[in-house]
Protein backbone atom coordinates (compact mmCIF):
# COMPACT_ATOMS: atom_id res chain seq x y z
CA MET A 1 55.23 124.33 -76.05
CA THR A 2 53.12 126.08 -78.70
CA GLU A 3 49.36 126.18 -78.44
CA SER A 4 49.11 124.44 -81.86
CA MET A 5 50.31 121.26 -80.16
CA TYR A 6 47.03 120.84 -78.30
CA ASP A 7 43.56 119.73 -79.27
CA GLU A 8 41.15 122.43 -78.10
CA ALA A 9 38.30 119.93 -77.82
CA ALA A 10 40.35 117.54 -75.70
CA ALA A 11 41.66 120.34 -73.50
CA GLY A 12 38.35 122.18 -73.40
CA ARG A 13 34.87 120.73 -73.34
CA HIS A 14 35.93 117.03 -73.46
CA GLY A 15 37.87 115.02 -70.91
CA GLN A 16 37.23 117.22 -67.91
CA ALA A 17 36.68 114.20 -65.65
CA LEU A 18 40.02 112.50 -66.25
CA TRP A 19 42.51 112.84 -63.39
CA ASN A 20 45.95 112.21 -64.86
CA PRO A 21 48.46 110.33 -62.68
CA GLN A 22 51.52 112.27 -61.49
CA ALA A 23 50.16 115.47 -62.98
CA HIS A 24 49.62 119.10 -62.03
CA MET A 25 46.03 119.04 -63.20
CA PRO A 26 45.52 122.72 -64.13
CA THR A 27 48.52 122.41 -66.43
CA ALA A 28 47.60 118.95 -67.70
CA ARG A 29 44.07 119.99 -68.65
CA ALA A 30 45.20 123.21 -70.32
CA LYS A 31 47.95 121.51 -72.34
CA ARG A 32 46.56 118.03 -72.87
CA LEU A 33 48.22 116.03 -75.62
CA VAL A 34 45.94 113.26 -76.88
CA ILE A 35 47.61 110.23 -78.49
CA THR A 36 45.26 108.52 -80.93
CA ARG A 37 47.41 106.10 -82.89
CA GLY A 38 50.75 104.33 -82.83
CA GLU A 39 52.79 102.44 -85.39
CA GLY A 40 56.28 101.13 -84.72
CA ALA A 41 58.19 103.85 -82.90
CA TRP A 42 55.82 106.60 -84.03
CA LEU A 43 52.68 108.14 -82.55
CA THR A 44 49.91 110.31 -83.95
CA THR A 45 48.03 112.91 -81.91
CA SER A 46 44.42 114.04 -82.16
CA THR A 47 45.64 117.07 -84.13
CA GLY A 48 47.39 114.86 -86.66
CA GLN A 49 50.95 115.53 -85.54
CA ARG A 50 53.42 112.65 -85.77
CA LEU A 51 55.74 112.14 -82.80
CA LEU A 52 58.70 109.81 -82.39
CA ASP A 53 58.13 107.92 -79.14
CA ALA A 54 61.53 108.41 -77.51
CA THR A 55 60.37 107.01 -74.15
CA ALA A 56 58.53 103.84 -75.28
CA SER A 57 55.56 105.41 -73.48
CA LEU A 58 56.28 104.65 -69.80
CA TRP A 59 59.34 102.48 -70.58
CA TYR A 60 57.24 99.60 -71.92
CA ALA A 61 56.59 99.75 -75.69
CA ASN A 62 59.53 97.45 -76.46
CA ILE A 63 58.17 95.87 -79.65
CA GLY A 64 56.64 99.13 -80.85
CA HIS A 65 53.05 100.18 -81.37
CA GLY A 66 50.27 98.87 -83.59
CA ARG A 67 51.12 95.17 -83.82
CA GLU A 68 48.10 93.49 -85.42
CA ARG A 69 49.42 90.10 -84.40
CA ILE A 70 48.99 91.02 -80.74
CA ALA A 71 45.45 92.25 -81.33
CA ARG A 72 44.50 89.04 -83.13
CA ALA A 73 45.92 86.91 -80.31
CA ALA A 74 43.86 88.85 -77.78
CA TYR A 75 40.73 88.63 -79.95
CA GLU A 76 41.05 84.89 -80.43
CA GLN A 77 41.52 84.33 -76.71
CA MET A 78 38.58 86.58 -75.81
CA THR A 79 36.26 84.69 -78.10
CA ARG A 80 37.13 81.49 -76.21
CA LEU A 81 37.54 82.82 -72.67
CA GLU A 82 38.31 86.41 -71.77
CA THR A 83 39.68 85.21 -68.44
CA TYR A 84 38.88 83.32 -65.29
CA HIS A 85 40.42 83.87 -61.89
CA THR A 86 43.29 81.74 -60.59
CA PHE A 87 42.44 81.71 -56.89
CA GLY A 88 42.46 78.41 -55.05
CA ARG A 89 42.60 75.40 -57.34
CA LEU A 90 41.46 77.24 -60.48
CA ALA A 91 43.67 78.11 -63.41
CA ASN A 92 43.49 78.90 -67.09
CA GLU A 93 45.71 77.52 -69.83
CA PRO A 94 47.45 80.77 -70.87
CA ALA A 95 48.50 81.48 -67.27
CA LEU A 96 49.93 77.97 -66.91
CA ARG A 97 51.85 78.22 -70.19
CA LEU A 98 53.19 81.70 -69.51
CA ALA A 99 54.40 80.84 -66.01
CA ASP A 100 56.48 77.93 -67.34
CA ARG A 101 57.89 80.11 -70.09
CA LEU A 102 58.88 82.90 -67.72
CA VAL A 103 60.78 80.47 -65.51
CA ALA A 104 62.63 79.11 -68.54
CA LEU A 105 63.63 82.64 -69.59
CA GLY A 106 64.61 83.92 -66.15
CA PRO A 107 67.81 83.70 -64.14
CA ILE A 108 66.33 81.89 -61.11
CA PRO A 109 66.51 78.09 -61.54
CA ALA A 110 63.33 76.18 -60.63
CA ALA A 111 61.47 79.37 -59.77
CA LYS A 112 57.76 79.74 -59.18
CA VAL A 113 55.67 82.59 -60.59
CA MET A 114 52.80 84.59 -59.17
CA LEU A 115 51.22 86.82 -61.79
CA THR A 116 49.92 90.32 -61.12
CA SER A 117 48.31 93.26 -62.89
CA GLY A 118 51.47 95.38 -63.12
CA GLY A 119 54.69 96.61 -61.59
CA SER A 120 53.38 98.23 -58.42
CA ASP A 121 51.38 95.08 -57.69
CA SER A 122 54.53 93.02 -58.17
CA VAL A 123 56.56 95.15 -55.76
CA ASP A 124 53.86 94.90 -53.09
CA LEU A 125 53.73 91.13 -53.53
CA ALA A 126 57.50 90.72 -53.31
CA CYS A 127 57.85 92.84 -50.17
CA LYS A 128 54.97 91.08 -48.42
CA LEU A 129 56.38 87.70 -49.35
CA ALA A 130 59.83 88.66 -48.05
CA ARG A 131 58.38 89.49 -44.66
CA ARG A 132 56.24 86.36 -44.63
CA HIS A 133 59.30 84.26 -45.43
CA TRP A 134 61.12 85.35 -42.31
CA GLN A 135 58.05 84.96 -40.14
CA LEU A 136 57.79 81.35 -41.27
CA GLU A 137 61.51 80.94 -40.60
CA GLY A 138 60.86 81.93 -36.99
CA ARG A 139 62.81 85.16 -37.42
CA GLY A 140 59.99 87.66 -37.19
CA THR A 141 62.22 90.61 -36.33
CA LYS A 142 63.44 90.63 -39.95
CA LYS A 143 60.95 93.17 -41.33
CA VAL A 144 62.93 96.08 -42.78
CA ILE A 145 62.93 96.48 -46.57
CA LEU A 146 65.99 98.35 -47.84
CA SER A 147 65.85 100.38 -51.06
CA ARG A 148 68.27 102.74 -52.76
CA HIS A 149 68.22 106.52 -52.75
CA GLY A 150 66.82 107.55 -56.13
CA ALA A 151 64.87 104.35 -56.58
CA TYR A 152 61.30 104.16 -57.84
CA HIS A 153 59.30 101.04 -57.03
CA GLY A 154 55.78 102.01 -58.00
CA LEU A 155 53.22 103.86 -55.94
CA HIS A 156 51.21 101.26 -54.05
CA ALA A 157 51.56 101.35 -50.27
CA PHE A 158 54.80 99.37 -50.18
CA GLY A 159 56.21 101.09 -53.25
CA THR A 160 55.48 104.50 -51.77
CA SER A 161 57.05 103.54 -48.46
CA ILE A 162 60.28 102.25 -50.01
CA ALA A 163 60.58 105.02 -52.59
CA GLY A 164 64.02 106.55 -52.82
CA LEU A 165 62.44 109.68 -54.30
CA GLN A 166 61.34 111.71 -51.31
CA TYR A 167 58.65 113.67 -53.16
CA ASN A 168 56.81 110.42 -53.80
CA ARG A 169 56.85 109.69 -50.05
CA ASP A 170 55.85 113.12 -48.78
CA GLY A 171 52.31 113.65 -47.55
CA TYR A 172 51.34 110.07 -46.76
CA GLY A 173 52.80 109.53 -43.30
CA THR A 174 55.28 107.09 -44.84
CA GLU A 175 56.79 106.14 -41.50
CA SER A 176 53.44 104.62 -40.59
CA LEU A 177 52.08 103.79 -44.06
CA VAL A 178 54.32 100.72 -44.20
CA PRO A 179 56.82 100.92 -41.34
CA GLU A 180 60.26 99.31 -41.18
CA THR A 181 61.77 100.58 -44.40
CA ALA A 182 65.11 102.34 -44.95
CA ARG A 183 67.12 103.88 -47.76
CA ILE A 184 70.68 102.85 -48.62
CA ALA A 185 73.41 104.35 -50.78
CA THR A 186 72.68 104.31 -54.50
CA ASN A 187 76.07 103.09 -55.69
CA ASP A 188 78.52 102.98 -52.76
CA ILE A 189 78.75 99.39 -51.54
CA ASP A 190 81.00 100.28 -48.59
CA GLN A 191 78.41 102.74 -47.35
CA VAL A 192 75.69 100.09 -47.79
CA ARG A 193 77.73 97.68 -45.67
CA ALA A 194 77.93 100.25 -42.89
CA GLN A 195 74.21 101.02 -43.14
CA ILE A 196 73.32 97.34 -42.85
CA GLU A 197 75.47 97.01 -39.75
CA GLN A 198 73.81 100.06 -38.22
CA ILE A 199 70.26 98.79 -38.86
CA GLY A 200 71.17 95.27 -37.75
CA THR A 201 70.99 92.22 -39.96
CA GLU A 202 68.54 90.64 -37.53
CA ASN A 203 66.06 93.37 -38.54
CA ILE A 204 66.40 93.29 -42.34
CA ALA A 205 64.08 91.15 -44.46
CA ALA A 206 65.15 92.18 -47.97
CA VAL A 207 66.92 94.68 -50.15
CA ILE A 208 65.28 95.72 -53.42
CA ALA A 209 67.23 97.23 -56.32
CA GLU A 210 66.73 98.03 -59.97
CA PRO A 211 69.66 96.75 -62.04
CA VAL A 212 69.53 100.14 -63.75
CA ILE A 213 67.59 102.85 -61.94
CA GLY A 214 64.94 104.16 -64.30
CA THR A 215 62.65 106.94 -63.09
CA GLY A 216 65.32 108.04 -60.63
CA GLY A 217 67.32 109.46 -63.54
CA VAL A 218 68.62 106.48 -65.59
CA VAL A 219 71.48 105.54 -63.27
CA GLY A 220 73.56 102.47 -64.04
CA PRO A 221 75.26 100.38 -61.36
CA ALA A 222 78.78 101.27 -60.27
CA ASP A 223 81.36 98.56 -60.96
CA GLY A 224 80.90 95.82 -58.40
CA TYR A 225 77.86 97.38 -56.75
CA LEU A 226 75.19 94.82 -57.68
CA GLY A 227 77.55 91.92 -57.09
CA GLY A 228 78.50 93.42 -53.76
CA LEU A 229 74.85 93.86 -52.84
CA ALA A 230 74.18 90.22 -53.68
CA SER A 231 77.17 89.12 -51.57
CA LEU A 232 76.03 91.19 -48.60
CA ALA A 233 72.54 89.75 -48.89
CA ARG A 234 73.87 86.18 -48.92
CA ALA A 235 76.25 86.78 -46.05
CA HIS A 236 73.59 88.30 -43.80
CA ASP A 237 70.49 86.25 -44.69
CA ILE A 238 68.81 89.14 -46.47
CA LEU A 239 66.59 88.39 -49.45
CA LEU A 240 67.62 90.12 -52.69
CA ILE A 241 64.75 91.48 -54.79
CA ALA A 242 65.63 92.64 -58.30
CA ASP A 243 63.08 95.16 -59.54
CA GLU A 244 63.08 94.40 -63.26
CA VAL A 245 59.83 96.15 -64.09
CA ILE A 246 61.77 98.36 -66.53
CA THR A 247 64.88 96.30 -67.27
CA GLY A 248 63.12 92.98 -67.81
CA PHE A 249 62.44 91.57 -71.29
CA GLY A 250 65.35 92.97 -73.20
CA ARG A 251 66.02 96.54 -72.13
CA THR A 252 69.59 95.72 -71.03
CA GLY A 253 70.36 93.59 -74.09
CA ARG A 254 69.60 90.45 -72.07
CA MET A 255 66.19 89.07 -71.23
CA PHE A 256 66.72 90.26 -67.65
CA GLY A 257 69.15 92.81 -66.28
CA SER A 258 70.11 90.33 -63.57
CA GLN A 259 71.62 88.16 -66.30
CA ARG A 260 73.65 91.03 -67.71
CA TYR A 261 75.03 92.00 -64.31
CA GLY A 262 75.63 88.47 -63.07
CA ILE A 263 73.34 88.30 -60.05
CA THR A 264 70.83 85.64 -59.01
CA PRO A 265 68.13 87.30 -56.91
CA ASP A 266 65.70 85.57 -54.57
CA LEU A 267 62.79 87.38 -56.19
CA ILE A 268 62.40 89.30 -59.45
CA THR A 269 59.56 91.74 -60.05
CA MET A 270 58.46 92.25 -63.64
CA ALA A 271 55.83 94.04 -65.74
CA LYS A 272 55.96 96.59 -68.60
CA GLY A 273 57.99 94.75 -71.26
CA ILE A 274 56.28 91.44 -70.48
CA THR A 275 53.49 92.58 -72.82
CA SER A 276 55.14 95.71 -74.27
CA GLY A 277 52.12 97.55 -72.89
CA TYR A 278 49.52 95.73 -74.98
CA ALA A 279 47.81 94.52 -71.78
CA PRO A 280 48.31 95.19 -68.05
CA LEU A 281 50.32 92.32 -66.62
CA GLY A 282 53.12 91.74 -64.15
CA GLY A 283 54.56 89.02 -62.00
CA VAL A 284 57.17 87.90 -59.53
CA LEU A 285 59.69 85.13 -60.06
CA VAL A 286 60.31 83.45 -56.71
CA SER A 287 63.31 81.27 -55.89
CA PRO A 288 62.93 77.78 -54.39
CA ARG A 289 64.43 79.14 -51.16
CA VAL A 290 61.27 81.20 -50.67
CA ALA A 291 58.64 79.29 -52.65
CA ASP A 292 59.27 75.63 -51.83
CA ARG A 293 57.66 75.58 -48.39
CA PHE A 294 54.37 76.76 -49.91
CA PHE A 295 54.37 73.84 -52.38
CA ALA A 296 55.63 71.07 -50.08
CA GLY A 297 53.66 68.14 -48.76
CA PRO A 298 50.44 66.34 -49.70
CA PRO A 299 47.04 67.86 -50.53
CA GLY A 300 45.38 68.92 -47.32
CA GLY A 301 48.74 68.94 -45.55
CA ASP A 302 50.23 71.61 -43.37
CA ALA A 303 52.03 73.68 -46.03
CA PRO A 304 51.43 77.38 -45.28
CA MET A 305 49.36 79.62 -47.54
CA PHE A 306 50.49 82.98 -48.87
CA ARG A 307 47.42 85.10 -48.18
CA HIS A 308 47.80 87.39 -51.17
CA GLY A 309 46.06 87.63 -54.51
CA LEU A 310 44.67 89.94 -57.17
CA THR A 311 41.44 89.63 -59.14
CA TYR A 312 43.36 89.64 -62.41
CA SER A 313 46.30 87.45 -61.39
CA GLY A 314 46.92 85.28 -64.44
CA HIS A 315 44.41 87.14 -66.63
CA ALA A 316 44.01 84.81 -69.60
CA THR A 317 43.94 87.44 -72.35
CA ALA A 318 46.83 89.37 -70.83
CA CYS A 319 48.84 86.14 -70.65
CA VAL A 320 48.16 85.38 -74.32
CA VAL A 321 49.27 88.90 -75.18
CA ALA A 322 52.48 88.29 -73.21
CA GLU A 323 53.09 85.04 -75.10
CA ALA A 324 52.68 86.81 -78.45
CA ASN A 325 54.97 89.60 -77.29
CA LEU A 326 57.65 87.10 -76.27
CA ASP A 327 57.28 85.36 -79.63
CA ILE A 328 57.96 88.65 -81.41
CA LEU A 329 60.96 89.43 -79.21
CA GLU A 330 62.45 86.04 -80.06
CA GLU A 331 61.53 85.77 -83.74
CA GLU A 332 62.74 89.28 -84.60
CA ASN A 333 65.84 89.06 -82.35
CA LEU A 334 64.77 92.26 -80.63
CA VAL A 335 66.71 91.64 -77.43
CA GLU A 336 69.89 91.37 -79.47
CA ARG A 337 68.81 94.46 -81.39
CA ALA A 338 68.40 96.37 -78.13
CA ALA A 339 71.97 95.42 -77.21
CA HIS A 340 73.20 96.82 -80.53
CA LEU A 341 71.09 99.99 -80.32
CA GLU A 342 72.43 100.66 -76.82
CA THR A 343 75.84 101.39 -78.32
CA VAL A 344 74.30 103.51 -81.08
CA LEU A 345 72.34 105.56 -78.56
CA GLU A 346 75.38 106.00 -76.33
CA LYS A 347 77.34 107.37 -79.27
CA ALA A 348 74.45 109.58 -80.40
CA VAL A 349 74.15 111.36 -77.04
CA GLU A 350 77.89 111.60 -76.43
CA PRO A 351 78.19 115.16 -77.89
CA LEU A 352 75.61 116.37 -75.36
CA ARG A 353 78.14 115.83 -72.56
CA THR A 354 79.89 119.07 -73.50
CA HIS A 355 76.77 121.18 -73.96
CA ASP A 356 76.70 124.20 -71.65
CA LEU A 357 73.22 123.38 -70.35
CA VAL A 358 73.92 119.70 -69.60
CA ALA A 359 75.16 118.60 -66.19
CA GLU A 360 75.63 114.89 -66.98
CA VAL A 361 74.86 112.29 -69.62
CA ARG A 362 74.19 108.75 -68.41
CA ALA A 363 74.21 106.01 -71.06
CA GLY A 364 75.78 102.65 -71.79
CA ASP A 365 74.16 100.49 -69.10
CA ALA A 366 71.02 99.58 -71.08
CA PHE A 367 69.14 100.76 -74.15
CA MET A 368 68.21 104.02 -72.46
CA ALA A 369 69.87 107.26 -71.51
CA GLY A 370 69.40 110.16 -69.12
CA ILE A 371 70.37 113.69 -70.07
CA GLN A 372 70.58 115.58 -66.79
CA LEU A 373 70.23 119.30 -67.34
CA ARG A 374 71.56 122.07 -65.18
CA GLN A 375 69.16 122.95 -62.41
CA ASP A 376 68.59 126.44 -63.79
CA VAL A 377 67.30 124.98 -67.07
CA SER A 378 63.61 124.09 -67.39
CA GLY A 379 63.52 120.45 -68.40
CA ASP A 380 59.81 120.71 -69.09
CA GLU A 381 60.42 123.53 -71.55
CA ILE A 382 63.10 121.50 -73.31
CA ALA A 383 60.78 118.48 -73.48
CA GLY A 384 58.04 120.73 -74.84
CA ALA A 385 60.32 122.12 -77.53
CA CYS A 386 61.28 118.57 -78.53
CA ALA A 387 57.60 117.61 -78.79
CA ASP A 388 56.96 120.66 -80.97
CA ALA A 389 59.78 119.39 -83.19
CA GLY A 390 58.30 115.88 -83.39
CA VAL A 391 60.12 113.93 -80.65
CA LEU A 392 58.22 112.99 -77.50
CA ILE A 393 60.40 112.84 -74.39
CA ARG A 394 59.73 113.64 -70.74
CA THR A 395 61.50 114.96 -67.68
CA ILE A 396 62.19 112.61 -64.78
CA HIS A 397 64.07 112.87 -61.49
CA ASN A 398 66.73 115.55 -61.02
CA ASN A 399 65.83 117.49 -64.18
CA THR A 400 66.75 114.57 -66.42
CA LEU A 401 65.46 114.01 -69.94
CA GLN A 402 64.47 110.35 -70.34
CA ILE A 403 65.38 108.46 -73.52
CA CYS A 404 64.11 104.88 -73.69
CA PRO A 405 62.97 104.09 -77.24
CA PRO A 406 61.21 100.98 -78.57
CA PHE A 407 63.50 98.22 -79.78
CA VAL A 408 62.22 98.76 -83.35
CA THR A 409 63.62 102.29 -83.45
CA THR A 410 66.12 102.80 -86.28
CA GLU A 411 69.64 104.13 -85.94
CA ASP A 412 68.63 107.27 -87.85
CA GLU A 413 65.76 107.81 -85.43
CA LEU A 414 68.16 107.64 -82.49
CA LEU A 415 70.24 110.34 -84.16
CA LEU A 416 67.01 112.33 -84.63
CA ILE A 417 66.29 112.11 -80.89
CA ALA A 418 69.75 113.33 -79.92
CA GLY A 419 69.75 116.04 -82.57
CA THR A 420 66.34 117.32 -81.55
CA ILE A 421 67.42 117.62 -77.92
CA THR A 422 70.56 119.46 -79.01
CA ARG A 423 68.59 121.95 -81.10
CA ALA A 424 66.12 122.51 -78.28
CA LEU A 425 68.99 123.25 -75.90
CA ASP A 426 70.67 125.55 -78.42
CA THR A 427 67.46 127.51 -78.89
CA TYR A 428 66.89 127.70 -75.13
CA SER A 429 70.36 129.07 -74.49
CA ALA A 430 70.26 131.55 -77.34
């Protein structure tokens, strides 16, 4: 990437204290790219360069950037009540409204909702609740959480321990960080069946799976895999957790990926698209099978408590932002638009399949794509060349270029993304 891409002030005397997540800090500080503005699918940097946001930031900018309507909703809520916690018997109106709305939109009938601050929080909550469920069932040996090779489930303690990306597990003593976790085959249901038998169904609390693997390289489900996983879970009393932090709220052309792929999980984790990134918020939809015992009986009765909570669970302003985001998704038919753009994107990246530097193109399972490069090609250099040319992409697992644009991206802009990657590859190979 050329030096002109970077703001000398930002990379030099300013911003020395910021520790970027998932970053090699000497490189990050020397080549810092400062985003100062966003509008629709476009970004502006501190040097004035315009960049097409081909990744929707970290998978979340579904409705695009710069929506004044969202800002006004947050402002109006803050002038009344910025937030108040929801522990114990307390609640706020936006949290109550949003919870009902999420249940109505989701694929789990009569679900309950616990709200969080984001995706990693949601994964931790779901895994803890799965273990607690089996303890209360009197089956305390059921502790193991299964996750797929290549899966990313955030980086809290549970998310790190169940990561299917080994480099995110290394260095933390993951066998003791959160014990009783195991990885299963990414897309081979027969192998999963054998792995479950080997571990023992009496030891397994839950299996967690993204409908479409995101950070692990944009990997769609093999035919019958998710349905087979759901059937195995039902047959062996294993809770099914759908991690919809990325796929939720329209990315698969349905409100939830579980709906597209015909599964009904016991728990669904969500975040990102719930607010399109305008505020930090997440949550977990919980089926009656798991939730009902915590709601049963009279006040002061013997219903158990779930000893879990976050300071900002049900943050009032974040919930209002989520409501406004959902309004925009519905009023502008953006979920349906994502379904249409999925086919456009798939067609746009199709020619890359035959490029000499491309190992595989994965598209057609959601409005996103992964362009896996040969291992001898520097994905970071290709991403840098694309940024120089005005398209911001990034490299994820297995040397894969991530494409995951906002739902407001135009068809011509999708062609621009694919064309820019092609030109960067052509220049690299020249």
